[in-house]
Amino acid sequence: MRKNEIIELTIHDMTTEGLGVGRWESLAVFVKDAVPGDRVRARIVKDRKTYAYARLEEILEPGACRTQAPCPAARACGGCQLQAMTYEAQLRLKEEKVRGNLQHIGGFDPAALPIEPIVGMENPYRYRNKAQFPVGRGADGRAQAGFYAGRTHSLIPCEDCLIGIPENRPILRAVIDWMDQYHIAPYDETTGQGRIRHIFIRCGFATGQIMVGLIAATARLPHQEELIKALQEALPAAPETAEKPEAPAPARHIASIVLNVNRKQTNVILGDQTIVLAGSDAIEDRIGPVRYRISLPSFYQVNPVQTRRMYDTVLEYAALTGKETVWDLYCGIGTISLYLAAQAREVIGVEIVPEAVENARENAALNGITNARFYTGRAEDLFVRMQKARAPRADVVIVDPPRKGCAASLLETMLAMQPERIVYVSCDSATLARDLRILTEGGYRIRKIRPFDQFPQTVHVETVCLLSNRFSKADTFVDLSLNMKDYYRIKDEQKKSQDKKV
């Protein structure tokens, strides 16, 4: 097999990154945009001893799970890796991804795992409440917005992403037209010249409030008032209405226009300074009965429909009676903390981002919640330190870590503390599997696992897992040293495994 050679093969599987997998003689061949069951013609782009990567040239015979991607930019953009698969096939793939990672990384018997059916969506489009559009210059010299092609910084023009809200389009068009009219240049990351880097749009689905943020390389925009007017005309403000928790959402309207300043030559999107141009410095949204105030840099789940279902599951798994102290680690703006507070004795949240902690405290006050406290710091440091200082012992621990999973020191502290229940919310089932192995070897049993399709059309899947302490309180002290030996043994095994891969 040689580079640029064209081969024909049948796709029989798909990787967790969304690449179709076929076999050519003894080689595994990975083909982007191919789905299981397809018979394809593909061009080899990278050849290795035991595998190769190929580009899809032609679909000779479509597989049963193939469908027509509704977005014309789907293949070029790469943001939606699964648009060419039926939604039922997407859900099956994600369930198998969770099960496969728990088996191969965690070492669990898949037949014994208590995995509940994945929670999908009735409408798997128009679900994202946030979008960040990079801005560049097209071949005609005009400004354009869109998304980067996969693994590149090549801009694919797209003003109407089908997993985003339809209001994105008139907002983007207003900003792009304003840039062209007043000759305001897009930022060029190769030269460091120009002004506008990204257009940020966030929407509160329950309130209708929209934030528009311009990420720019300067703290002042020429013709700023004209921009504000253009945005207000693109999406007129809605009249204020009295909200009830289950009332239909009011009309979507721009409630906040902000300028975020990022002068650094970096691919990090947001800078440290945010200036209010019009309206408020934050918007509000609601999940169930709880209201949240969300600023530009705050982490907030992007799929509010699935988030409500996921948080209801967290609440169910936590099994609160009103007597428990709950620690919510990686708490963000307090979304889960405040969702649980009404049924807990006390909730303590820990988050590394100071602005998010401030938002969490504001959100507690906004909802009249007095039994939730929030602290700034790294969860793996602050939780450990506070436990050593004899802070309130956790009856239930909620962890919702970033993609890299929980730090080893945090797992160590949880094992030493032995809370009755741990509810683990994961955005990466690979690191979930790794951490579950440590926790189960340290004295916990997996009681329930439920995947959630938080990101339809993509390969990503969220998972909620309930673990309970299998030791009685009387046995905890006796078995604790054994638990920690197991923990360090597994950590050593992981290091050896990683060293072999390197």
Protein backbone atom coordinates (compact mmCIF):
# COMPACT_ATOMS: atom_id res chain seq x y z
CA MET A 1 0.00 0.00 0.00
CA ARG A 2 1.30 3.45 -0.97
CA LYS A 3 0.26 7.03 -0.31
CA ASN A 4 -2.41 8.23 -2.80
CA GLU A 5 -3.28 4.66 -3.73
CA ILE A 6 -7.04 4.19 -4.14
CA ILE A 7 -8.58 1.11 -2.55
CA GLU A 8 -12.08 -0.32 -2.09
CA LEU A 9 -13.17 -1.65 1.28
CA THR A 10 -16.18 -2.24 3.53
CA ILE A 11 -16.50 -0.27 6.77
CA HIS A 12 -17.28 -2.59 9.66
CA ASP A 13 -16.75 -0.41 12.74
CA MET A 14 -16.17 3.15 13.94
CA THR A 15 -13.55 4.61 16.28
CA THR A 16 -14.43 6.68 19.32
CA GLU A 17 -13.26 9.73 17.29
CA GLY A 18 -15.82 9.03 14.56
CA LEU A 19 -13.57 7.46 11.89
CA GLY A 20 -14.91 4.53 9.90
CA VAL A 21 -12.82 1.36 10.23
CA GLY A 22 -12.24 -1.11 7.40
CA ARG A 23 -9.63 -3.78 6.65
CA TRP A 24 -7.34 -3.99 3.65
CA GLU A 25 -5.56 -7.33 3.72
CA SER A 26 -3.98 -7.30 7.23
CA LEU A 27 -4.19 -3.53 7.75
CA ALA A 28 -6.78 -1.50 9.64
CA VAL A 29 -7.78 1.50 7.51
CA PHE A 30 -9.41 4.56 9.13
CA VAL A 31 -11.65 6.59 6.84
CA LYS A 32 -13.15 9.94 7.86
CA ASP A 33 -16.84 10.46 6.89
CA ALA A 34 -17.44 6.72 6.36
CA VAL A 35 -19.96 4.86 8.55
CA PRO A 36 -20.39 1.14 9.37
CA GLY A 37 -21.85 -0.85 6.50
CA ASP A 38 -20.56 1.49 3.77
CA ARG A 39 -18.72 0.04 0.80
CA VAL A 40 -16.33 2.83 -0.20
CA ARG A 41 -13.52 3.87 -2.48
CA ALA A 42 -10.85 5.69 -0.46
CA ARG A 43 -7.48 7.31 -1.10
CA ILE A 44 -4.58 6.49 1.24
CA VAL A 45 -3.20 9.65 2.88
CA LYS A 46 -0.99 8.12 5.57
CA ASP A 47 0.51 4.62 5.66
CA ARG A 48 1.94 2.88 8.72
CA LYS A 49 3.06 -0.71 9.33
CA THR A 50 -0.18 -1.95 10.88
CA TYR A 51 -2.72 0.71 9.93
CA ALA A 52 -3.44 3.50 7.46
CA TYR A 53 -5.56 6.64 7.15
CA ALA A 54 -7.60 7.29 4.02
CA ARG A 55 -9.81 10.01 2.58
CA LEU A 56 -13.29 9.08 1.38
CA GLU A 57 -13.48 9.41 -2.41
CA GLU A 58 -16.77 7.71 -3.22
CA ILE A 59 -19.53 5.73 -1.51
CA LEU A 60 -20.04 2.65 -3.68
CA GLU A 61 -22.83 1.24 -1.53
CA PRO A 62 -24.25 3.04 1.53
CA GLY A 63 -24.61 1.20 4.82
CA ALA A 64 -27.95 0.77 6.58
CA CYS A 65 -27.08 3.42 9.19
CA ARG A 66 -26.09 6.09 6.64
CA THR A 67 -28.27 9.15 6.18
CA GLN A 68 -27.95 12.43 4.31
CA ALA A 69 -26.22 15.05 6.47
CA PRO A 70 -28.54 18.11 6.51
CA CYS A 71 -25.71 20.63 6.96
CA PRO A 72 -23.87 21.45 3.71
CA ALA A 73 -20.69 22.20 5.68
CA ALA A 74 -20.75 18.93 7.68
CA ARG A 75 -17.81 17.19 5.96
CA ALA A 76 -15.60 20.25 5.67
CA CYS A 77 -16.30 21.60 9.15
CA GLY A 78 -15.70 18.42 11.10
CA GLY A 79 -17.52 19.66 14.19
CA CYS A 80 -20.36 17.18 13.73
CA GLN A 81 -18.55 13.89 13.10
CA LEU A 82 -21.76 11.79 13.00
CA GLN A 83 -24.24 13.74 10.90
CA ALA A 84 -24.06 11.04 8.21
CA MET A 85 -25.35 8.42 10.69
CA THR A 86 -28.97 7.90 11.65
CA TYR A 87 -29.68 9.11 15.15
CA GLU A 88 -30.54 5.60 16.37
CA ALA A 89 -27.11 4.42 15.17
CA GLN A 90 -25.44 7.36 16.93
CA LEU A 91 -27.03 6.35 20.23
CA ARG A 92 -25.92 2.72 19.82
CA LEU A 93 -22.38 3.87 19.04
CA LYS A 94 -22.22 6.02 22.18
CA GLU A 95 -23.56 3.27 24.44
CA GLU A 96 -20.90 0.94 23.06
CA LYS A 97 -18.24 3.61 23.54
CA VAL A 98 -19.05 3.84 27.26
CA ARG A 99 -19.27 0.06 27.64
CA GLY A 100 -16.06 -0.51 25.67
CA ASN A 101 -14.03 2.01 27.69
CA LEU A 102 -15.25 0.54 30.98
CA GLN A 103 -14.24 -2.91 29.76
CA HIS A 104 -10.89 -2.17 28.12
CA ILE A 105 -9.61 0.69 30.31
CA GLY A 106 -11.37 -0.03 33.59
CA GLY A 107 -11.14 -3.81 33.37
CA PHE A 108 -14.83 -4.30 34.18
CA ASP A 109 -16.91 -7.24 32.98
CA PRO A 110 -19.36 -5.62 30.51
CA ALA A 111 -22.04 -8.22 31.25
CA ALA A 112 -21.98 -7.27 34.94
CA LEU A 113 -22.08 -3.50 34.48
CA PRO A 114 -25.39 -1.88 35.53
CA ILE A 115 -25.63 0.35 32.44
CA GLU A 116 -29.05 1.89 31.90
CA PRO A 117 -30.21 2.84 28.38
CA ILE A 118 -28.74 6.02 26.96
CA VAL A 119 -30.93 9.13 27.21
CA GLY A 120 -31.33 10.56 23.70
CA MET A 121 -33.16 13.60 22.34
CA GLU A 122 -36.47 13.88 20.55
CA ASN A 123 -34.95 16.55 18.29
CA PRO A 124 -31.15 16.17 18.04
CA TYR A 125 -30.66 19.56 16.36
CA ARG A 126 -30.78 23.22 17.51
CA TYR A 127 -29.82 22.21 21.04
CA ARG A 128 -26.62 24.24 21.68
CA ASN A 129 -27.06 27.35 23.80
CA LYS A 130 -23.50 28.56 23.10
CA ALA A 131 -21.35 29.05 19.99
CA GLN A 132 -17.93 30.60 19.38
CA PHE A 133 -17.38 31.61 15.76
CA PRO A 134 -13.84 32.46 14.64
CA VAL A 135 -13.68 35.38 12.22
CA GLY A 136 -11.45 35.63 9.17
CA ARG A 137 -11.23 37.07 5.69
CA GLY A 138 -12.62 35.26 2.66
CA ALA A 139 -11.09 34.96 -0.81
CA ASP A 140 -13.09 38.03 -1.85
CA GLY A 141 -11.49 40.09 0.92
CA ARG A 142 -14.69 40.36 2.95
CA ALA A 143 -15.03 39.31 6.59
CA GLN A 144 -16.57 35.92 7.29
CA ALA A 145 -17.45 33.76 10.29
CA GLY A 146 -17.60 30.01 10.61
CA PHE A 147 -15.69 27.14 12.16
CA TYR A 148 -12.24 25.66 11.79
CA ALA A 149 -11.90 22.46 9.80
CA GLY A 150 -10.86 19.50 11.94
CA ARG A 151 -7.26 19.68 13.27
CA THR A 152 -6.61 22.92 11.34
CA HIS A 153 -7.15 26.66 11.54
CA SER A 154 -8.65 26.78 8.05
CA LEU A 155 -11.91 28.68 8.35
CA ILE A 156 -15.03 27.02 6.90
CA PRO A 157 -17.72 29.72 6.39
CA CYS A 158 -20.92 28.83 8.26
CA GLU A 159 -23.43 31.27 9.68
CA ASP A 160 -26.20 28.77 10.42
CA CYS A 161 -24.84 25.81 12.38
CA LEU A 162 -27.73 23.34 12.63
CA ILE A 163 -26.93 22.29 16.18
CA GLY A 164 -26.94 25.95 17.24
CA ILE A 165 -29.84 28.32 17.69
CA PRO A 166 -31.34 29.90 14.53
CA GLU A 167 -30.77 33.35 16.04
CA ASN A 168 -27.04 32.91 15.49
CA ARG A 169 -27.46 33.72 11.80
CA PRO A 170 -28.92 37.28 12.01
CA ILE A 171 -26.49 38.12 14.83
CA LEU A 172 -23.48 36.97 12.81
CA ARG A 173 -24.73 38.74 9.71
CA ALA A 174 -25.15 42.01 11.65
CA VAL A 175 -21.57 41.85 12.98
CA ILE A 176 -20.02 40.83 9.64
CA ASP A 177 -21.89 43.57 7.74
CA TRP A 178 -20.77 46.12 10.35
CA MET A 179 -17.14 44.99 9.93
CA ASP A 180 -17.33 45.31 6.15
CA GLN A 181 -19.12 48.64 6.21
CA TYR A 182 -16.62 50.30 8.56
CA HIS A 183 -13.52 48.42 7.36
CA ILE A 184 -12.89 46.72 10.69
CA ALA A 185 -10.39 43.97 10.03
CA PRO A 186 -10.57 40.40 11.31
CA TYR A 187 -7.66 39.38 13.50
CA ASP A 188 -4.88 37.56 11.64
CA GLU A 189 -3.25 35.07 14.01
CA THR A 190 -0.16 34.73 11.82
CA THR A 191 0.66 38.46 11.87
CA GLY A 192 -1.07 39.55 15.06
CA GLN A 193 -2.81 42.34 13.10
CA GLY A 194 -6.54 43.17 12.98
CA ARG A 195 -9.25 43.52 15.63
CA ILE A 196 -12.08 40.96 15.74
CA ARG A 197 -11.04 37.43 16.70
CA HIS A 198 -14.28 35.61 17.59
CA ILE A 199 -18.01 36.21 17.89
CA PHE A 200 -19.44 34.58 21.00
CA ILE A 201 -23.19 33.91 21.34
CA ARG A 202 -24.90 32.41 24.38
CA CYS A 203 -28.66 31.93 24.89
CA GLY A 204 -30.77 31.21 27.95
CA PHE A 205 -33.34 28.76 26.60
CA ALA A 206 -35.73 29.26 29.54
CA THR A 207 -35.48 33.07 29.65
CA GLY A 208 -34.88 33.95 25.99
CA GLN A 209 -31.94 36.18 27.00
CA ILE A 210 -29.00 36.24 24.58
CA MET A 211 -25.46 37.45 25.19
CA VAL A 212 -23.36 38.61 22.23
CA GLY A 213 -19.66 38.87 22.91
CA LEU A 214 -17.01 40.21 20.55
CA ILE A 215 -13.54 38.91 21.32
CA ALA A 216 -11.13 41.54 20.06
CA ALA A 217 -7.44 42.42 20.18
CA THR A 218 -8.23 46.00 21.30
CA ALA A 219 -10.17 47.51 24.22
CA ARG A 220 -11.98 50.00 21.99
CA LEU A 221 -14.05 49.42 18.87
CA PRO A 222 -14.51 52.12 16.24
CA HIS A 223 -18.17 52.75 15.37
CA GLN A 224 -19.21 50.94 18.52
CA GLU A 225 -22.64 52.60 18.69
CA GLU A 226 -23.38 51.53 15.11
CA LEU A 227 -22.61 47.92 16.08
CA ILE A 228 -24.98 48.07 19.05
CA LYS A 229 -27.72 49.52 16.85
CA ALA A 230 -27.17 46.86 14.16
CA LEU A 231 -27.46 44.06 16.73
CA GLN A 232 -30.56 45.54 18.31
CA GLU A 233 -32.20 45.79 14.90
CA ALA A 234 -31.18 42.25 13.97
CA LEU A 235 -32.88 40.83 17.05
CA PRO A 236 -35.25 43.33 18.68
CA ALA A 237 -35.61 43.31 22.45
CA ALA A 238 -38.63 41.48 23.83
CA PRO A 239 -40.96 43.06 26.38
CA GLU A 240 -40.31 42.05 29.97
CA THR A 241 -42.66 39.32 31.22
CA ALA A 242 -43.18 37.79 34.62
CA GLU A 243 -41.75 34.30 34.53
CA LYS A 244 -43.08 31.18 36.17
CA PRO A 245 -40.86 28.09 36.55
CA GLU A 246 -42.73 26.00 33.96
CA ALA A 247 -44.00 28.82 31.72
CA PRO A 248 -43.09 28.79 28.01
CA ALA A 249 -39.85 30.62 27.28
CA PRO A 250 -40.27 34.25 26.22
CA ALA A 251 -39.13 35.44 22.80
CA ARG A 252 -35.36 35.37 22.38
CA HIS A 253 -33.75 38.79 22.60
CA ILE A 254 -30.33 40.35 23.13
CA ALA A 255 -29.92 41.23 26.79
CA SER A 256 -26.15 41.66 26.86
CA ILE A 257 -23.50 42.94 24.44
CA VAL A 258 -19.94 42.70 25.74
CA LEU A 259 -16.41 43.18 24.46
CA ASN A 260 -13.77 40.72 25.63
CA VAL A 261 -10.17 41.85 25.17
CA ASN A 262 -7.55 39.28 24.18
CA ARG A 263 -4.28 40.83 23.02
CA LYS A 264 -2.22 37.65 23.34
CA GLN A 265 -0.96 35.77 20.29
CA THR A 266 -2.55 32.52 21.38
CA ASN A 267 -5.29 30.13 20.34
CA VAL A 268 -7.02 30.59 23.71
CA ILE A 269 -10.31 32.27 22.86
CA LEU A 270 -11.11 34.51 25.84
CA GLY A 271 -8.97 37.23 27.36
CA ASP A 272 -9.01 38.47 30.95
CA GLN A 273 -10.88 41.77 30.47
CA THR A 274 -14.59 42.06 29.64
CA ILE A 275 -16.29 45.41 28.97
CA VAL A 276 -20.06 45.86 28.85
CA LEU A 277 -21.19 47.66 25.69
CA ALA A 278 -24.95 47.41 26.22
CA GLY A 279 -27.32 45.70 28.63
CA SER A 280 -26.04 43.52 31.45
CA ASP A 281 -22.69 41.84 32.07
CA ALA A 282 -24.49 38.47 32.31
CA ILE A 283 -27.65 36.69 31.26
CA GLU A 284 -29.99 34.47 33.24
CA ASP A 285 -31.26 30.98 32.53
CA ARG A 286 -33.19 28.39 34.47
CA ILE A 287 -32.87 24.65 34.90
CA GLY A 288 -36.00 23.32 36.54
CA PRO A 289 -36.87 25.66 39.41
CA VAL A 290 -33.33 27.06 39.83
CA ARG A 291 -32.23 30.30 38.17
CA TYR A 292 -28.63 30.90 37.12
CA ARG A 293 -26.71 34.06 36.28
CA ILE A 294 -24.10 33.34 33.60
CA SER A 295 -21.22 35.63 32.67
CA LEU A 296 -19.09 35.38 29.54
CA PRO A 297 -16.32 33.08 30.93
CA SER A 298 -18.64 30.90 33.03
CA PHE A 299 -18.88 27.20 32.31
CA TYR A 300 -22.51 26.27 31.66
CA GLN A 301 -23.78 23.07 30.06
CA VAL A 302 -24.50 23.71 26.37
CA ASN A 303 -27.56 21.45 26.05
CA PRO A 304 -30.26 22.66 28.47
CA VAL A 305 -32.79 19.96 27.51
CA GLN A 306 -30.41 17.12 28.34
CA THR A 307 -28.91 18.98 31.29
CA ARG A 308 -32.29 19.00 33.08
CA ARG A 309 -32.57 15.23 32.57
CA MET A 310 -28.99 14.67 33.65
CA TYR A 311 -29.35 16.75 36.82
CA ASP A 312 -32.57 14.92 37.68
CA THR A 313 -30.56 11.69 37.45
CA VAL A 314 -27.79 13.14 39.67
CA LEU A 315 -30.49 14.06 42.20
CA GLU A 316 -31.99 10.56 41.98
CA TYR A 317 -28.60 8.87 42.41
CA ALA A 318 -27.65 11.15 45.34
CA ALA A 319 -30.78 9.90 47.19
CA LEU A 320 -30.85 12.86 49.55
CA THR A 321 -33.07 12.88 52.63
CA GLY A 322 -32.33 16.40 53.87
CA LYS A 323 -29.73 15.26 56.40
CA GLU A 324 -26.66 15.00 54.13
CA THR A 325 -23.65 17.22 53.65
CA VAL A 326 -22.87 17.21 49.92
CA TRP A 327 -19.53 18.22 48.43
CA ASP A 328 -19.77 19.32 44.80
CA LEU A 329 -16.27 19.31 43.28
CA TYR A 330 -15.57 21.18 40.02
CA CYS A 331 -18.86 22.98 40.72
CA GLY A 332 -18.59 25.73 38.07
CA ILE A 333 -21.27 28.38 38.64
CA GLY A 334 -23.07 26.09 41.08
CA THR A 335 -25.50 24.48 38.68
CA ILE A 336 -25.52 21.04 40.33
CA SER A 337 -24.93 22.41 43.85
CA LEU A 338 -28.02 24.60 43.76
CA TYR A 339 -30.09 21.93 42.03
CA LEU A 340 -29.43 19.62 45.01
CA ALA A 341 -29.53 22.19 47.80
CA ALA A 342 -33.28 21.99 48.49
CA GLN A 343 -32.95 18.31 49.41
CA ALA A 344 -29.64 18.45 51.33
CA ARG A 345 -28.67 19.71 54.76
CA GLU A 346 -25.71 21.56 53.29
CA VAL A 347 -23.90 21.78 49.95
CA ILE A 348 -20.25 22.83 49.65
CA GLY A 349 -18.96 23.68 46.17
CA VAL A 350 -15.34 23.95 45.03
CA GLU A 351 -14.24 25.54 41.75
CA ILE A 352 -10.92 26.89 40.41
CA VAL A 353 -12.33 29.84 38.37
CA PRO A 354 -12.91 32.87 40.65
CA GLU A 355 -15.55 34.41 38.34
CA ALA A 356 -17.51 31.14 38.38
CA VAL A 357 -17.41 31.02 42.19
CA GLU A 358 -18.67 34.59 42.33
CA ASN A 359 -21.46 33.60 39.93
CA ALA A 360 -22.27 30.59 42.15
CA ARG A 361 -22.64 32.83 45.21
CA GLU A 362 -24.79 35.26 43.21
CA ASN A 363 -26.91 32.36 41.99
CA ALA A 364 -27.44 31.13 45.54
CA ALA A 365 -28.60 34.61 46.56
CA LEU A 366 -30.75 34.89 43.42
CA ASN A 367 -32.64 31.76 44.46
CA GLY A 368 -32.74 32.50 48.18
CA ILE A 369 -30.60 29.43 48.90
CA THR A 370 -28.77 29.75 52.23
CA ASN A 371 -27.40 26.22 52.72
CA ALA A 372 -24.82 26.35 49.90
CA ARG A 373 -21.23 27.59 50.33
CA PHE A 374 -18.64 28.01 47.58
CA TYR A 375 -14.85 28.12 47.70
CA THR A 376 -12.22 29.05 45.12
CA GLY A 377 -9.37 26.64 44.48
CA ARG A 378 -8.29 23.47 42.73
CA ALA A 379 -10.59 20.68 43.85
CA GLU A 380 -7.68 18.29 44.37
CA ASP A 381 -5.94 20.82 46.66
CA LEU A 382 -8.78 22.55 48.49
CA PHE A 383 -10.83 19.43 49.20
CA VAL A 384 -7.77 17.65 50.60
CA ARG A 385 -6.76 20.66 52.71
CA MET A 386 -10.25 21.25 54.08
CA GLN A 387 -10.67 17.62 55.03
CA LYS A 388 -7.40 17.69 56.94
CA ALA A 389 -8.70 20.81 58.70
CA ARG A 390 -11.76 18.79 59.77
CA ALA A 391 -14.25 20.56 57.49
CA PRO A 392 -17.73 18.99 57.39
CA ARG A 393 -17.42 15.34 56.37
CA ALA A 394 -19.02 14.50 53.05
CA ASP A 395 -21.97 12.11 53.11
CA VAL A 396 -22.28 12.45 49.33
CA VAL A 397 -19.62 13.65 46.89
CA ILE A 398 -20.50 14.92 43.41
CA VAL A 399 -17.61 15.14 40.94
CA ASP A 400 -17.97 16.70 37.50
CA PRO A 401 -14.32 16.98 36.39
CA PRO A 402 -12.90 18.22 33.08
CA ARG A 403 -12.03 15.75 30.34
CA LYS A 404 -8.79 14.66 32.06
CA GLY A 405 -10.79 13.21 34.97
CA CYS A 406 -10.08 13.45 38.69
CA ALA A 407 -6.62 14.10 40.07
CA ALA A 408 -5.03 11.18 41.93
CA SER A 409 -4.88 13.18 45.19
CA LEU A 410 -8.62 13.85 44.98
CA LEU A 411 -9.42 10.15 44.53
CA GLU A 412 -7.08 9.41 47.44
CA THR A 413 -8.95 11.84 49.71
CA MET A 414 -12.34 10.44 48.73
CA LEU A 415 -11.14 6.92 49.53
CA ALA A 416 -9.80 8.07 52.88
CA MET A 417 -13.03 9.92 53.71
CA GLN A 418 -15.34 7.07 52.61
CA PRO A 419 -18.53 9.04 51.80
CA GLU A 420 -21.65 6.89 51.59
CA ARG A 421 -22.20 7.73 47.92
CA ILE A 422 -20.22 9.23 45.04
CA VAL A 423 -21.99 10.52 41.95
CA TYR A 424 -19.50 10.90 39.10
CA VAL A 425 -20.54 13.05 36.12
CA SER A 426 -18.14 12.45 33.25
CA CYS A 427 -17.59 14.04 29.85
CA ASP A 428 -15.00 11.40 28.89
CA SER A 429 -15.79 7.74 29.53
CA ALA A 430 -12.10 6.81 29.11
CA THR A 431 -10.97 8.79 32.17
CA LEU A 432 -14.18 7.76 33.93
CA ALA A 433 -13.21 4.11 33.46
CA ARG A 434 -9.73 4.79 34.83
CA ASP A 435 -11.08 6.57 37.92
CA LEU A 436 -13.83 4.00 38.54
CA ARG A 437 -11.23 1.26 38.66
CA ILE A 438 -9.39 3.10 41.44
CA LEU A 439 -12.59 3.81 43.37
CA THR A 440 -13.93 0.25 43.12
CA GLU A 441 -10.60 -1.24 44.16
CA GLY A 442 -10.67 1.22 47.05
CA GLY A 443 -13.97 0.05 48.51
CA TYR A 444 -16.82 1.23 46.26
CA ARG A 445 -19.38 -0.60 44.14
CA ILE A 446 -20.83 0.69 40.89
CA ARG A 447 -24.59 0.75 41.38
CA LYS A 448 -25.83 2.55 38.25
CA ILE A 449 -24.40 3.98 35.04
CA ARG A 450 -26.40 6.07 32.63
CA PRO A 451 -25.07 7.65 29.40
CA PHE A 452 -26.59 10.89 28.13
CA ASP A 453 -26.43 12.15 24.57
CA GLN A 454 -25.50 15.66 25.56
CA PHE A 455 -23.93 16.40 22.16
CA PRO A 456 -25.95 14.84 19.29
CA GLN A 457 -24.21 14.63 15.89
CA THR A 458 -20.80 14.45 17.63
CA VAL A 459 -18.85 11.54 19.10
CA HIS A 460 -19.01 12.95 22.64
CA VAL A 461 -21.15 11.38 25.36
CA GLU A 462 -21.77 12.29 29.00
CA THR A 463 -22.13 9.62 31.66
CA VAL A 464 -23.53 9.69 35.19
CA CYS A 465 -22.37 6.95 37.56
CA LEU A 466 -23.46 6.10 41.10
CA LEU A 467 -21.01 4.45 43.47
CA SER A 468 -21.81 3.37 47.00
CA ASN A 469 -19.54 2.44 49.89
CA ARG A 470 -19.55 -1.35 50.27
CA PHE A 471 -18.06 -1.22 53.77
CA SER A 472 -20.15 -0.59 56.83
CA LYS A 473 -19.11 2.28 59.06
CA ALA A 474 -17.85 -0.21 61.63
CA ASP A 475 -15.43 -1.70 59.10
CA THR A 476 -14.20 1.55 57.57
CA PHE A 477 -11.24 2.12 59.90
CA VAL A 478 -10.03 -1.50 59.73
CA ASP A 479 -10.11 -1.66 55.94
CA LEU A 480 -8.80 1.81 55.15
CA SER A 481 -5.10 0.85 54.93
CA LEU A 482 -5.94 -2.00 52.56
CA ASN A 483 -7.97 0.39 50.40
CA MET A 484 -5.04 2.79 50.06
CA LYS A 485 -2.63 -0.05 49.20
CA ASP A 486 -5.01 -1.02 46.40
CA TYR A 487 -5.13 2.57 45.24
CA TYR A 488 -1.34 2.91 44.99
CA ARG A 489 -1.01 -0.50 43.36
CA ILE A 490 -3.43 0.51 40.60
CA LYS A 491 -1.74 3.89 40.18
CA ASP A 492 1.61 2.10 39.69
CA GLU A 493 0.03 -0.22 37.12
CA GLN A 494 -1.35 2.79 35.24
CA LYS A 495 2.07 4.44 35.16
CA LYS A 496 3.71 1.27 33.85
CA SER A 497 1.03 0.97 31.18
CA GLN A 498 1.52 4.61 30.13
CA ASP A 499 5.30 4.11 30.02
CA LYS A 500 4.87 1.14 27.69
CA LYS A 501 2.69 3.21 25.34
CA VAL A 502 5.31 5.97 25.23
